[in-house]
Protein backbone atom coordinates (compact mmCIF):
# COMPACT_ATOMS: atom_id res chain seq x y z
CA MET A 1 -0.03 0.01 0.00
CA ILE A 2 1.60 3.26 -1.04
CA ARG A 3 0.26 5.54 1.66
CA THR A 4 3.39 7.24 2.89
CA ARG A 5 2.13 9.06 5.93
CA ARG A 6 3.38 7.84 9.30
CA SER A 7 0.80 7.19 11.97
CA VAL A 8 0.29 6.00 15.52
CA ALA A 9 -2.54 4.08 17.10
CA ALA A 10 -4.17 4.44 20.46
CA VAL A 11 -6.93 1.91 19.84
CA LEU A 12 -6.85 -0.78 17.17
CA ALA A 13 -9.89 -0.48 15.00
CA ALA A 14 -9.67 -3.44 12.69
CA GLY A 15 -7.49 -6.24 11.43
CA ALA A 16 -4.30 -5.87 9.44
CA THR A 17 -5.26 -3.97 6.31
CA ALA A 18 -5.42 -5.83 3.08
CA VAL A 19 -2.49 -4.36 1.15
CA THR A 20 -3.45 -5.01 -2.42
CA LEU A 21 -1.23 -4.51 -5.47
CA ALA A 22 -2.70 -4.85 -8.96
CA LEU A 23 -0.60 -4.97 -12.08
CA THR A 24 -1.53 -5.21 -15.76
CA GLY A 25 0.76 -6.40 -18.50
CA CYS A 26 2.36 -2.97 -18.47
CA ALA A 27 1.29 -2.22 -22.03
CA PRO A 28 2.41 1.16 -23.36
CA SER A 29 -0.28 3.81 -23.64
CA ASP A 30 -0.16 3.75 -27.40
CA GLY A 31 -1.37 0.14 -27.43
CA SER A 32 1.80 -1.28 -28.98
CA SER A 33 3.30 -4.58 -27.87
CA GLY A 34 5.64 -2.87 -25.44
CA SER A 35 9.38 -2.62 -24.94
CA GLY A 36 11.94 -1.30 -22.53
CA ASP A 37 10.99 2.18 -23.66
CA ALA A 38 7.37 1.83 -22.51
CA VAL A 39 5.98 4.23 -19.90
CA LEU A 40 4.78 2.49 -16.73
CA ARG A 41 1.68 4.26 -15.40
CA VAL A 42 1.21 4.01 -11.67
CA TRP A 43 -1.03 5.39 -8.95
CA ALA A 44 0.35 8.65 -7.38
CA GLY A 45 -2.03 8.56 -4.39
CA SER A 46 -5.29 10.28 -3.63
CA ALA A 47 -3.91 13.74 -2.96
CA THR A 48 -5.20 15.85 -5.88
CA PRO A 49 -3.97 18.30 -7.07
CA ILE A 50 -0.50 16.71 -6.59
CA ASN A 51 1.89 18.77 -4.51
CA HIS A 52 5.07 19.67 -6.33
CA ASN A 53 7.19 18.56 -3.38
CA PHE A 54 10.16 16.17 -3.38
CA ASN A 55 11.40 17.01 0.08
CA PRO A 56 12.30 13.68 1.80
CA PHE A 57 11.81 15.38 5.24
CA ALA A 58 8.26 16.44 4.43
CA VAL A 59 6.62 13.09 4.88
CA ASP A 60 3.21 14.76 5.09
CA THR A 61 3.31 16.25 1.65
CA ALA A 62 6.14 14.82 -0.43
CA VAL A 63 5.09 12.79 -3.50
CA HIS A 64 5.52 9.05 -3.70
CA ALA A 65 8.52 9.08 -6.07
CA THR A 66 10.53 10.94 -3.45
CA TYR A 67 11.03 7.67 -1.51
CA GLY A 68 12.88 4.88 -3.23
CA ALA A 69 12.75 6.24 -6.81
CA ILE A 70 14.75 9.36 -6.06
CA TYR A 71 16.07 9.14 -2.49
CA GLU A 72 17.22 5.92 -0.84
CA PRO A 73 18.17 4.63 2.58
CA LEU A 74 21.45 2.76 3.09
CA PHE A 75 19.85 -0.69 3.08
CA PHE A 76 16.53 -2.24 2.08
CA PHE A 77 14.79 -4.33 4.78
CA ASN A 78 12.11 -6.75 3.53
CA GLN A 79 9.24 -6.10 5.98
CA LEU A 80 7.77 -9.57 5.52
CA SER A 81 11.02 -11.49 6.03
CA ALA A 82 13.54 -12.06 8.81
CA GLU A 83 16.37 -12.21 6.15
CA PRO A 84 19.32 -9.81 6.40
CA PRO A 85 18.79 -6.50 4.54
CA THR A 86 19.93 -5.81 1.00
CA GLY A 87 22.53 -3.14 0.41
CA LEU A 88 21.54 0.00 -1.51
CA ILE A 89 23.89 2.87 -0.93
CA GLY A 90 25.41 0.82 1.88
CA GLU A 91 27.51 -2.27 1.45
CA SER A 92 27.96 -3.54 5.05
CA TYR A 93 27.63 -2.46 8.71
CA GLU A 94 28.93 -3.55 12.07
CA TYR A 95 28.14 -2.66 15.67
CA SER A 96 30.74 -2.32 18.40
CA GLU A 97 30.57 -4.81 21.23
CA ASP A 98 28.59 -2.44 23.43
CA GLY A 99 26.29 -1.29 20.63
CA THR A 100 27.16 2.41 20.86
CA THR A 101 29.21 2.59 17.66
CA LEU A 102 27.93 1.66 14.27
CA THR A 103 30.48 1.51 11.45
CA ILE A 104 28.94 1.67 7.93
CA THR A 105 30.72 0.92 4.66
CA ILE A 106 29.07 2.29 1.55
CA LYS A 107 29.61 1.14 -2.01
CA PRO A 108 32.44 2.89 -3.88
CA ASP A 109 32.17 5.14 -6.94
CA GLN A 110 28.57 6.23 -6.54
CA GLN A 111 27.19 9.47 -7.93
CA TRP A 112 24.31 11.77 -7.22
CA SER A 113 22.02 12.38 -10.14
CA ASP A 114 23.70 15.76 -10.86
CA GLY A 115 27.04 13.98 -11.36
CA GLU A 116 28.64 14.92 -8.04
CA PRO A 117 30.29 12.00 -6.15
CA LEU A 118 28.28 10.36 -3.34
CA THR A 119 30.66 9.70 -0.46
CA ALA A 120 30.63 8.94 3.23
CA GLU A 121 30.64 12.63 3.87
CA ASP A 122 27.10 12.86 2.54
CA VAL A 123 26.00 10.02 4.76
CA ALA A 124 27.56 11.53 7.90
CA PHE A 125 25.92 14.87 7.03
CA THR A 126 22.51 13.25 6.64
CA PHE A 127 22.56 11.91 10.18
CA THR A 128 23.33 15.35 11.60
CA TYR A 129 20.76 17.22 9.59
CA GLY A 130 17.05 18.06 9.96
CA SER A 131 14.69 15.56 11.54
CA ASN A 132 17.32 12.86 11.23
CA VAL A 133 19.10 14.12 14.33
CA ASP A 134 18.92 11.57 17.16
CA GLU A 135 19.32 13.07 20.62
CA GLN A 136 21.50 10.06 21.47
CA LEU A 137 23.86 10.66 18.54
CA VAL A 138 27.25 11.81 19.82
CA SER A 139 29.03 12.13 16.47
CA ALA A 140 28.82 11.15 12.81
CA GLU A 141 32.19 10.99 11.11
CA ALA A 142 33.31 10.07 7.64
CA THR A 143 36.70 8.38 8.26
CA ASP A 144 37.36 7.89 4.54
CA GLU A 145 35.44 8.05 1.23
CA THR A 146 33.38 4.96 1.98
CA THR A 147 33.36 4.61 5.79
CA VAL A 148 31.03 6.31 8.27
CA VAL A 149 31.23 5.91 12.04
CA LEU A 150 28.11 6.78 14.05
CA THR A 151 28.63 7.01 17.80
CA TYR A 152 25.76 7.05 20.29
CA SER A 153 25.40 7.64 23.93
CA GLU A 154 23.23 4.51 24.26
CA PRO A 155 23.40 1.10 22.55
CA LYS A 156 21.57 1.03 19.21
CA PHE A 157 21.43 -2.68 18.45
CA THR A 158 17.72 -2.79 17.92
CA ALA A 159 17.53 0.47 15.95
CA ALA A 160 19.26 -0.93 12.88
CA SER A 161 16.17 -0.80 10.71
CA LEU A 162 15.44 2.83 11.64
CA ILE A 163 19.02 4.00 11.17
CA LEU A 164 19.86 1.98 8.09
CA GLY A 165 16.54 1.38 6.45
CA ALA A 166 14.40 4.45 7.23
CA THR A 167 16.84 7.35 6.89
CA TRP A 168 16.80 8.91 3.40
CA ILE A 169 20.36 9.91 2.44
CA VAL A 170 20.63 13.40 0.96
CA PRO A 171 23.50 15.23 -0.83
CA LYS A 172 25.43 17.55 1.47
CA HIS A 173 26.28 19.96 -1.35
CA ILE A 174 22.58 20.68 -1.85
CA TRP A 175 21.07 20.54 1.63
CA GLU A 176 23.86 22.20 3.68
CA ASP A 177 22.65 25.52 2.26
CA ILE A 178 18.98 24.91 3.18
CA ASP A 179 18.21 26.31 6.61
CA ASP A 180 14.42 25.68 6.79
CA PHE A 181 14.42 22.03 5.82
CA MET A 182 10.75 21.49 6.45
CA SER A 183 9.43 24.30 4.25
CA GLU A 184 11.68 23.46 1.31
CA THR A 185 9.70 21.91 -1.54
CA ASN A 186 12.77 20.69 -3.43
CA PRO A 187 11.13 20.80 -6.90
CA GLU A 188 14.28 19.69 -8.72
CA PRO A 189 15.55 16.87 -6.45
CA VAL A 190 19.07 15.48 -6.65
CA GLY A 191 19.05 11.88 -5.37
CA SER A 192 20.88 8.60 -5.62
CA GLY A 193 17.98 6.46 -6.76
CA PRO A 194 17.16 4.92 -10.13
CA TYR A 195 15.07 7.81 -11.44
CA THR A 196 15.06 11.59 -11.88
CA VAL A 197 12.22 14.01 -12.44
CA LYS A 198 11.33 14.60 -16.08
CA SER A 199 8.08 16.64 -15.87
CA PHE A 200 5.46 17.69 -13.38
CA THR A 201 1.88 18.92 -13.38
CA GLU A 202 -0.87 18.95 -10.72
CA ALA A 203 -2.52 15.98 -12.36
CA ALA A 204 0.53 13.75 -13.05
CA TYR A 205 4.28 13.69 -13.05
CA THR A 206 6.91 11.59 -14.80
CA VAL A 207 10.29 10.29 -13.72
CA GLU A 208 12.88 8.96 -16.10
CA ALA A 209 15.88 6.59 -15.75
CA ASN A 210 18.88 7.93 -13.90
CA GLU A 211 21.76 7.22 -16.23
CA LEU A 212 24.22 7.71 -13.34
CA PHE A 213 22.54 5.13 -11.08
CA ARG A 214 25.12 2.79 -9.50
CA ASP A 215 23.51 -0.33 -10.96
CA GLY A 216 22.96 1.22 -14.40
CA ALA A 217 19.81 2.86 -15.69
CA PRO A 218 16.69 0.73 -14.95
CA ALA A 219 14.97 -1.18 -17.74
CA VAL A 220 11.75 0.74 -17.34
CA LYS A 221 12.82 4.14 -18.72
CA GLU A 222 9.91 6.21 -17.62
CA VAL A 223 7.24 5.99 -14.83
CA GLN A 224 4.24 8.21 -14.91
CA TYR A 225 2.44 8.88 -11.62
CA LEU A 226 -1.27 9.73 -11.97
CA GLY A 227 -3.17 11.51 -9.21
CA LEU A 228 -6.54 9.89 -8.61
CA ASP A 229 -9.13 11.03 -6.09
CA SER A 230 -10.47 7.68 -4.93
CA ASN A 231 -9.96 3.90 -4.76
CA GLN A 232 -12.84 3.47 -7.24
CA SER A 233 -11.28 5.82 -9.81
CA SER A 234 -8.00 3.92 -9.93
CA GLN A 235 -9.82 0.58 -9.99
CA ASP A 236 -11.84 1.75 -13.05
CA LEU A 237 -8.71 2.89 -14.83
CA LEU A 238 -6.99 -0.37 -14.01
CA ALA A 239 -9.81 -2.43 -15.38
CA THR A 240 -9.85 -0.40 -18.63
CA GLY A 241 -6.06 -0.62 -19.12
CA LYS A 242 -5.41 3.06 -18.57
CA ILE A 243 -3.13 2.51 -15.58
CA ASP A 244 -0.69 -0.34 -14.99
CA TRP A 245 -0.12 -0.45 -11.21
CA VAL A 246 -2.01 0.69 -8.11
CA GLY A 247 -1.23 0.13 -4.46
CA GLN A 248 -4.56 0.33 -2.64
CA PHE A 249 -7.53 -1.53 -1.37
CA ILE A 250 -9.69 -3.29 -3.94
CA ALA A 251 -13.02 -4.49 -2.53
CA ASN A 252 -13.57 -7.31 -5.06
CA PRO A 253 -10.25 -8.43 -6.62
CA ASP A 254 -11.91 -11.38 -8.45
CA ALA A 255 -13.94 -8.93 -10.57
CA VAL A 256 -10.75 -7.18 -11.59
CA THR A 257 -8.62 -10.25 -12.27
CA GLY A 258 -11.24 -12.24 -14.20
CA SER A 259 -9.69 -11.50 -17.61
CA GLY A 260 -6.34 -12.98 -16.54
CA GLU A 261 -4.52 -9.75 -17.46
CA ILE A 262 -4.39 -8.32 -13.94
CA SER A 263 -2.98 -9.93 -10.84
CA THR A 264 -3.25 -8.96 -7.17
CA LEU A 265 -1.03 -9.39 -4.14
CA ASN A 266 -2.52 -9.17 -0.65
CA GLN A 267 0.04 -8.48 2.06
CA GLN A 268 -1.54 -8.27 5.52
CA GLN A 269 1.14 -6.22 7.15
CA ASP A 270 0.05 -2.68 8.20
CA PRO A 271 -2.75 -2.70 10.75
CA THR A 272 -5.68 -0.30 10.28
CA VAL A 273 -5.87 1.74 13.48
CA MET A 274 -8.01 4.37 15.10
CA ILE A 275 -5.51 6.96 16.27
CA THR A 276 -6.39 9.44 18.97
CA CYS A 277 -4.75 12.52 20.40
CA ALA A 278 -4.70 10.98 23.89
CA ASN A 279 -2.49 12.99 26.24
CA ALA A 280 -4.16 16.00 27.89
CA GLU A 281 -0.88 16.93 29.59
CA LEU A 282 0.61 17.67 26.16
CA GLY A 283 -2.45 19.59 25.04
CA CYS A 284 -4.86 17.00 23.58
CA GLU A 285 -8.49 18.01 24.07
CA GLY A 286 -11.68 15.93 24.03
CA PRO A 287 -13.30 12.95 25.79
CA GLN A 288 -10.83 10.56 24.11
CA THR A 289 -8.11 11.83 26.48
CA ASP A 290 -9.81 9.80 29.27
CA PRO A 291 -8.29 6.22 29.28
CA ALA A 292 -11.74 4.84 30.26
CA VAL A 293 -13.32 6.27 27.05
CA ARG A 294 -10.55 4.71 24.89
CA GLN A 295 -10.91 1.36 26.74
CA ALA A 296 -14.66 1.39 26.20
CA ILE A 297 -14.31 2.02 22.49
CA ASN A 298 -11.75 -0.82 22.27
CA VAL A 299 -14.27 -3.38 23.48
CA ALA A 300 -17.24 -1.81 21.73
CA ILE A 301 -15.78 -2.34 18.24
CA ASP A 302 -16.86 -5.40 16.28
CA ARG A 303 -13.67 -6.08 14.33
CA ALA A 304 -14.98 -9.20 12.68
CA THR A 305 -17.81 -7.23 11.01
CA ILE A 306 -15.44 -4.41 10.03
CA ARG A 307 -13.10 -6.96 8.43
CA GLU A 308 -15.88 -8.55 6.40
CA LYS A 309 -17.86 -5.46 5.40
CA ALA A 310 -15.26 -2.69 5.09
CA PHE A 311 -12.31 -4.86 3.99
CA ALA A 312 -14.21 -7.49 2.02
CA GLY A 313 -12.79 -10.27 4.16
CA LEU A 314 -9.25 -9.53 2.91
CA ALA A 315 -7.82 -8.41 6.23
CA GLY A 316 -6.23 -10.51 8.94
CA GLU A 317 -6.91 -10.25 12.62
CA ALA A 318 -5.30 -7.34 14.51
CA THR A 319 -3.13 -7.80 17.58
CA PRO A 320 -2.86 -5.27 20.43
CA SER A 321 0.81 -6.15 20.73
CA PHE A 322 1.62 -4.08 17.58
CA THR A 323 3.71 -7.02 16.27
CA LEU A 324 3.47 -8.56 12.84
CA GLN A 325 2.34 -12.11 13.31
CA PRO A 326 3.53 -14.75 12.63
CA ARG A 327 6.77 -13.00 11.77
CA ASP A 328 7.31 -11.63 15.30
CA GLU A 329 6.05 -14.77 17.17
CA GLN A 330 9.13 -15.01 19.42
CA TRP A 331 8.36 -11.52 20.92
CA LEU A 332 4.84 -12.37 21.93
CA SER A 333 5.25 -13.73 25.45
CA ASP A 334 1.55 -13.43 26.34
CA PRO A 335 -0.61 -15.52 24.00
CA SER A 336 -3.71 -13.59 25.09
CA LEU A 337 -2.36 -10.62 23.15
CA ALA A 338 -2.12 -12.51 19.87
CA THR A 339 -5.45 -11.13 18.71
CA SER A 340 -7.59 -8.16 19.65
CA PRO A 341 -11.19 -8.86 20.70
CA GLN A 342 -13.12 -9.52 17.50
CA GLU A 343 -16.73 -9.18 18.73
CA SER A 344 -18.37 -6.17 20.33
CA ASP A 345 -19.04 -6.25 24.05
CA ALA A 346 -21.39 -3.33 24.71
CA ALA A 347 -22.00 -4.44 28.28
CA GLU A 348 -18.25 -4.40 29.04
CA ALA A 349 -17.93 -0.95 27.49
CA GLY A 350 -20.70 0.36 29.63
CA ALA A 351 -19.22 -1.13 32.77
CA ILE A 352 -15.86 0.57 32.03
CA LEU A 353 -17.53 3.93 31.59
CA GLU A 354 -19.77 3.63 34.64
CA ALA A 355 -16.83 2.66 36.79
CA ALA A 356 -15.21 5.89 35.67
CA GLY A 357 -18.23 7.96 36.65
CA TYR A 358 -20.15 8.19 33.36
CA THR A 359 -23.94 7.82 33.15
CA LYS A 360 -26.38 7.41 30.33
CA ASP A 361 -28.62 10.28 29.27
CA ALA A 362 -32.22 10.04 28.07
CA ASP A 363 -31.01 9.19 24.51
CA GLY A 364 -28.90 6.33 25.76
CA PHE A 365 -25.52 7.97 25.38
CA TYR A 366 -22.86 8.17 28.08
CA GLY A 367 -21.63 11.40 29.55
CA LYS A 368 -20.30 13.00 32.69
CA ASP A 369 -21.21 16.24 34.51
CA GLY A 370 -23.98 16.90 32.00
CA VAL A 371 -21.65 16.69 28.94
CA ALA A 372 -22.13 13.71 26.60
CA ILE A 373 -19.18 11.86 25.12
CA GLU A 374 -18.90 13.03 21.51
CA ILE A 375 -15.84 12.17 19.44
CA ASP A 376 -14.89 13.30 15.94
CA LEU A 377 -13.50 10.51 13.67
CA PHE A 378 -12.23 11.35 10.19
CA SER A 379 -10.72 9.53 7.29
CA PRO A 380 -9.41 10.59 3.85
CA ASP A 381 -12.18 11.09 1.29
CA GLY A 382 -12.14 8.35 -1.36
CA TRP A 383 -10.45 5.72 0.77
CA THR A 384 -13.53 3.52 0.55
CA ASP A 385 -12.29 0.84 2.90
CA TYR A 386 -11.40 3.36 5.62
CA ASN A 387 -14.56 5.39 5.08
CA ASP A 388 -16.72 2.28 5.49
CA ALA A 389 -14.75 1.15 8.56
CA ALA A 390 -15.32 4.59 10.15
CA LYS A 391 -19.07 4.40 9.57
CA LEU A 392 -19.16 0.95 11.14
CA ILE A 393 -17.18 2.09 14.15
CA SER A 394 -19.60 4.94 14.62
CA GLU A 395 -22.61 2.56 14.46
CA GLN A 396 -21.00 -0.02 16.79
CA ALA A 397 -19.99 2.65 19.33
CA ALA A 398 -23.51 4.02 19.35
CA GLU A 399 -24.86 0.64 20.29
CA ALA A 400 -22.59 0.84 23.40
CA GLY A 401 -23.79 4.34 24.20
CA ILE A 402 -20.75 6.21 22.77
CA ARG A 403 -21.31 8.92 20.19
CA ILE A 404 -18.61 8.94 17.44
CA ASN A 405 -19.21 11.15 14.44
CA ALA A 406 -17.59 9.72 11.28
CA ARG A 407 -16.70 12.13 8.46
CA THR A 408 -14.34 12.35 5.50
CA VAL A 409 -11.83 15.07 4.69
CA SER A 410 -9.66 15.84 1.71
CA ASP A 411 -6.18 14.47 1.64
CA ALA A 412 -4.80 17.97 2.28
CA GLU A 413 -7.08 18.50 5.23
CA TYR A 414 -6.09 15.21 6.78
CA TRP A 415 -2.34 15.58 7.46
CA THR A 416 -2.05 18.92 9.22
CA PRO A 417 -4.30 18.18 12.26
CA ILE A 418 -2.66 14.75 12.78
CA SER A 419 0.86 16.13 12.84
CA ALA A 420 -0.12 19.16 14.93
CA GLY A 421 -2.27 17.16 17.40
CA ASP A 422 -5.32 19.25 16.55
CA PHE A 423 -7.68 16.26 16.33
CA GLN A 424 -9.64 13.76 18.45
CA SER A 425 -9.50 10.60 16.34
CA ALA A 426 -8.74 9.52 12.81
CA LEU A 427 -8.48 6.27 10.82
CA TYR A 428 -5.25 5.30 9.11
CA GLY A 429 -2.65 2.57 8.65
CA LEU A 430 0.16 2.08 11.13
CA THR A 431 3.39 1.13 9.38
CA GLN A 432 4.87 -2.07 10.76
CA SER A 433 8.51 -2.63 11.77
CA LEU A 434 10.87 -3.18 8.88
CA VAL A 435 12.43 -6.21 10.58
CA ALA A 436 11.19 -9.13 12.62
CA ASP A 437 11.31 -7.17 15.84
CA PRO A 438 8.73 -4.63 17.07
CA TYR A 439 11.38 -2.30 18.53
CA SER A 440 10.84 0.47 15.95
CA ASN A 441 7.05 0.37 16.57
CA TYR A 442 7.47 0.86 20.23
CA SER A 443 10.26 3.51 19.87
CA GLU A 444 8.58 5.52 17.09
CA TYR A 445 5.00 5.35 18.26
CA PHE A 446 5.05 5.15 22.02
CA ALA A 447 8.31 6.58 23.38
CA GLY A 448 8.05 10.06 24.91
CA THR A 449 11.12 11.13 22.91
CA SER A 450 9.14 10.53 19.72
CA THR A 451 6.43 13.00 20.44
CA ALA A 452 5.86 16.79 20.98
CA PRO A 453 3.24 19.05 22.60
CA VAL A 454 0.12 19.78 20.60
CA GLY A 455 0.90 22.45 18.08
CA GLU A 456 4.25 20.94 17.21
CA ASP A 457 5.03 18.22 14.75
CA PRO A 458 6.99 15.45 16.53
CA LEU A 459 9.82 15.56 14.01
CA ALA A 460 12.05 13.19 16.09
CA GLY A 461 9.45 10.41 15.86
CA GLN A 462 5.94 9.30 14.93
CA ASN A 463 4.09 9.47 18.24
CA TYR A 464 1.15 11.52 17.01
CA SER A 465 -1.08 10.30 19.89
CA ARG A 466 1.23 12.24 22.23
CA TYR A 467 1.44 9.11 24.37
CA SER A 468 4.00 9.45 27.23
CA ASN A 469 4.79 6.89 29.88
CA PRO A 470 8.11 6.74 31.84
CA VAL A 471 7.81 2.97 32.24
CA VAL A 472 7.49 2.53 28.48
CA ASP A 473 10.39 4.93 27.90
CA GLN A 474 12.62 2.89 30.13
CA ALA A 475 11.51 -0.38 28.50
CA VAL A 476 12.29 0.99 25.03
CA LEU A 477 15.75 2.02 26.16
CA ALA A 478 16.36 -1.42 27.68
CA ALA A 479 15.25 -3.19 24.51
CA GLY A 480 17.49 -1.01 22.37
CA ALA A 481 20.50 -1.64 24.56
CA THR A 482 20.74 -5.36 24.08
CA GLN A 483 20.72 -8.23 21.63
CA ASP A 484 19.80 -10.69 24.32
CA VAL A 485 16.38 -12.20 23.42
CA PRO A 486 15.06 -12.81 26.96
CA THR A 487 15.92 -9.30 28.05
CA LYS A 488 14.16 -7.82 25.05
CA GLN A 489 11.20 -10.10 25.59
CA ALA A 490 10.87 -8.80 29.15
CA ALA A 491 11.11 -5.17 27.98
CA TYR A 492 8.46 -5.66 25.31
CA ALA A 493 6.18 -7.35 27.85
CA GLN A 494 6.56 -4.25 30.01
CA ILE A 495 5.41 -2.08 27.13
CA ARG A 496 2.48 -4.28 26.24
CA ARG A 497 1.19 -4.33 29.77
CA ARG A 498 0.30 -0.71 29.20
CA SER A 499 -2.12 -1.57 26.35
CA PRO A 500 -5.91 -0.99 26.81
CA ALA A 501 -6.47 -4.74 26.71
CA THR A 502 -4.26 -5.43 29.69
CA CYS A 503 -4.29 -2.46 32.10
CA PRO A 504 -7.82 -1.09 32.36
CA THR A 505 -7.04 0.80 35.55
CA SER A 506 -3.73 2.34 34.58
CA PRO A 507 -3.69 6.11 33.79
CA TRP A 508 -1.17 5.39 31.01
CA CYS A 509 -3.42 3.17 28.93
């Protein structure tokens, strides 16, 4: 699924989302038999008009081609596999015995797309620039043309996928002169990836093969990204041969694949979540800041129905452990957390609220001190699976006496309140760990160092719920400081004991 926005969950809303890829025979638009010179037409996302933004630091607004096609991390981690990563810019890496020093060797004789040499100096610069700066980073030094030494104040064993697989390397000679890295739109990007920008409009943009790419120019010489406003629009174009590849939800794949010309791939990896701005101490406002309200919603949701009706039975079952099962099976010490409750329990939801001092009004909805619980829940317009899921959540919550108002917003209207914390709840997909270890999930989404007060974008992480818990922070540090499996298992168990399913009386839930 090519939905690049990062997100964090406070309450799981449904099973792992059906990540569906659909691909035609890649026929050229002129209807000829095709060759290496054919233009591959792909889905650019639902943000229309398309933002002319290739800033790798602006994850809210940068276009899809920014990541992978133009800018690259050091290594590629296959999210669905426990195999070692594949080198991209990087060739190898090694930790010191105590985990505080990471030595990276990059491949020699690489070039940026403008012809300038790509060296270890660019890599070292990247780790000291913009939102890449880690407060535990002591130094980043290029010891020669192909060697970078990163030194940290704390062990970083478990952060390899974040450091090596989720940091987009940028050219020093371009970015060292850019002071406001977040407002820069970077319309003419210089990257290391296999493509460069050829043309751009608000409706579509095209990238072409980078002749200076280290592995040689790719066989597909041009890729055109088409902006489409909904899942249905892209499905219609796919079925009529006017687009070659989409990464989105398709409600009825069999209807699309019947001709034999289109195939689909369903990867159940990124859980669909209901994210909430949950921490009143950091400025979140609304009834969802009360743990009891979030816990009540958690048990009021009928995930089985959502899976069948909104996701057409294509989704797997969600787990409150925020692990990817069965890949991460060794980290799930408590089998009871393997799966979230699938059926709604309205009685249990009511009991949770009543224990917290809420009472029902004449209309059957819970409130306190004369104020009814009323929560705003939004999802991006045109994301039919999410829109349907939000409606079902609203209906199911109402049956438990909780008023949740589901609405849709434009893609542009969606990102700003999430990053700023100016929201109550929203539906989106939580990106899973790149490796068979949930460390990055816990570090990025739940550590206090990964968040910021409402009004500020948590640039150092992805904790948009503003969750903050000193016990969790210590457990994240403990997990990151070791390669010992039992020690990490104990740390992860500490974190999971703060989940809504396992600590109904804790103020940190």
